[in-house]
Amino acid sequence: MMWDDGQYDVGWPAMVLMMVTFWALAGGAFYLAVRWLGRESRSTEPLEILDQRLASGEIDVEEYDRLRQALGEHRGTALHR
């Protein structure tokens, strides 16, 4: 005795495909959420960037002072430490 007449045999591959699609979308959303939440906040203020470059050793104190002075002249005011 058959439980069905065979007309729904196409249904299970579609269900497997939908399940794979669902898990792929869920995994992609999780990956993007972790990337977005885990990113570092980066400053866009010129003086803060300059401070970070000095702290990381990317520039020395002389270069720091020269660039800080140049930023002050660019803004029309002298910057003092």
Protein backbone atom coordinates (compact mmCIF):
# COMPACT_ATOMS: atom_id res chain seq x y z
CA MET A 1 0.00 0.00 0.00
CA MET A 2 1.37 3.43 -0.98
CA TRP A 3 0.86 6.43 1.21
CA ASP A 4 0.87 8.81 -1.72
CA ASP A 5 0.52 8.52 -5.43
CA GLY A 6 3.97 9.97 -6.24
CA GLN A 7 2.85 13.39 -7.35
CA TYR A 8 4.70 15.18 -4.53
CA ASP A 9 8.13 13.67 -5.16
CA VAL A 10 9.42 17.06 -6.33
CA GLY A 11 8.62 18.65 -2.95
CA TRP A 12 11.52 17.35 -0.88
CA PRO A 13 14.34 18.71 -3.12
CA ALA A 14 12.66 22.12 -3.03
CA MET A 15 12.46 21.90 0.76
CA VAL A 16 16.17 21.00 0.99
CA LEU A 17 17.03 23.90 -1.33
CA MET A 18 14.97 26.29 0.80
CA MET A 19 16.66 25.05 3.98
CA VAL A 20 20.14 25.51 2.48
CA THR A 21 19.16 28.99 1.28
CA PHE A 22 17.80 29.90 4.72
CA TRP A 23 20.98 28.79 6.51
CA ALA A 24 23.18 30.56 3.95
CA LEU A 25 21.25 33.82 4.47
CA ALA A 26 21.28 33.40 8.26
CA GLY A 27 25.03 32.72 8.23
CA GLY A 28 25.68 35.72 5.98
CA ALA A 29 23.61 37.98 8.23
CA PHE A 30 25.51 36.73 11.29
CA TYR A 31 28.86 37.30 9.57
CA LEU A 32 27.93 40.86 8.58
CA ALA A 33 26.59 41.63 12.06
CA VAL A 34 29.81 40.43 13.70
CA ARG A 35 31.90 42.44 11.26
CA TRP A 36 29.81 45.56 11.81
CA LEU A 37 29.79 45.28 15.60
CA GLY A 38 33.47 44.38 15.79
CA ARG A 39 34.83 47.25 13.78
CA GLU A 40 37.05 49.80 15.41
CA SER A 41 35.79 53.33 15.62
CA ARG A 42 38.18 55.45 13.69
CA SER A 43 38.54 59.12 14.35
CA THR A 44 38.28 61.56 11.51
CA GLU A 45 39.56 64.58 13.41
CA PRO A 46 42.98 65.55 12.04
CA LEU A 47 44.56 66.18 15.45
CA GLU A 48 43.30 62.88 16.83
CA ILE A 49 44.71 61.06 13.80
CA LEU A 50 48.00 62.87 14.31
CA ASP A 51 48.02 61.88 18.00
CA GLN A 52 47.39 58.24 17.05
CA ARG A 53 50.21 58.28 14.50
CA LEU A 54 52.64 59.64 17.12
CA ALA A 55 51.49 57.11 19.71
CA SER A 56 51.93 54.20 17.29
CA GLY A 57 55.45 55.35 16.36
CA GLU A 58 54.52 56.05 12.76
CA ILE A 59 55.95 59.59 13.07
CA ASP A 60 58.48 61.14 15.43
CA VAL A 61 58.03 64.19 17.69
CA GLU A 62 59.61 66.60 15.20
CA GLU A 63 57.27 65.46 12.42
CA TYR A 64 54.35 65.62 14.87
CA ASP A 65 55.17 69.23 15.80
CA ARG A 66 55.61 70.22 12.16
CA LEU A 67 52.30 68.67 11.11
CA ARG A 68 50.48 70.07 14.13
CA GLN A 69 51.76 73.55 13.27
CA ALA A 70 50.72 73.08 9.64
CA LEU A 71 47.22 72.07 10.73
CA GLY A 72 47.01 75.14 12.95
CA GLU A 73 48.03 77.44 10.10
CA HIS A 74 45.55 75.72 7.80
CA ARG A 75 42.74 76.44 10.25
CA GLY A 76 43.95 79.98 10.77
CA THR A 77 44.86 79.53 14.42
CA ALA A 78 48.03 78.42 16.11
CA LEU A 79 47.72 75.20 18.03
CA HIS A 80 49.64 74.79 21.25
CA ARG A 81 50.31 71.62 23.19
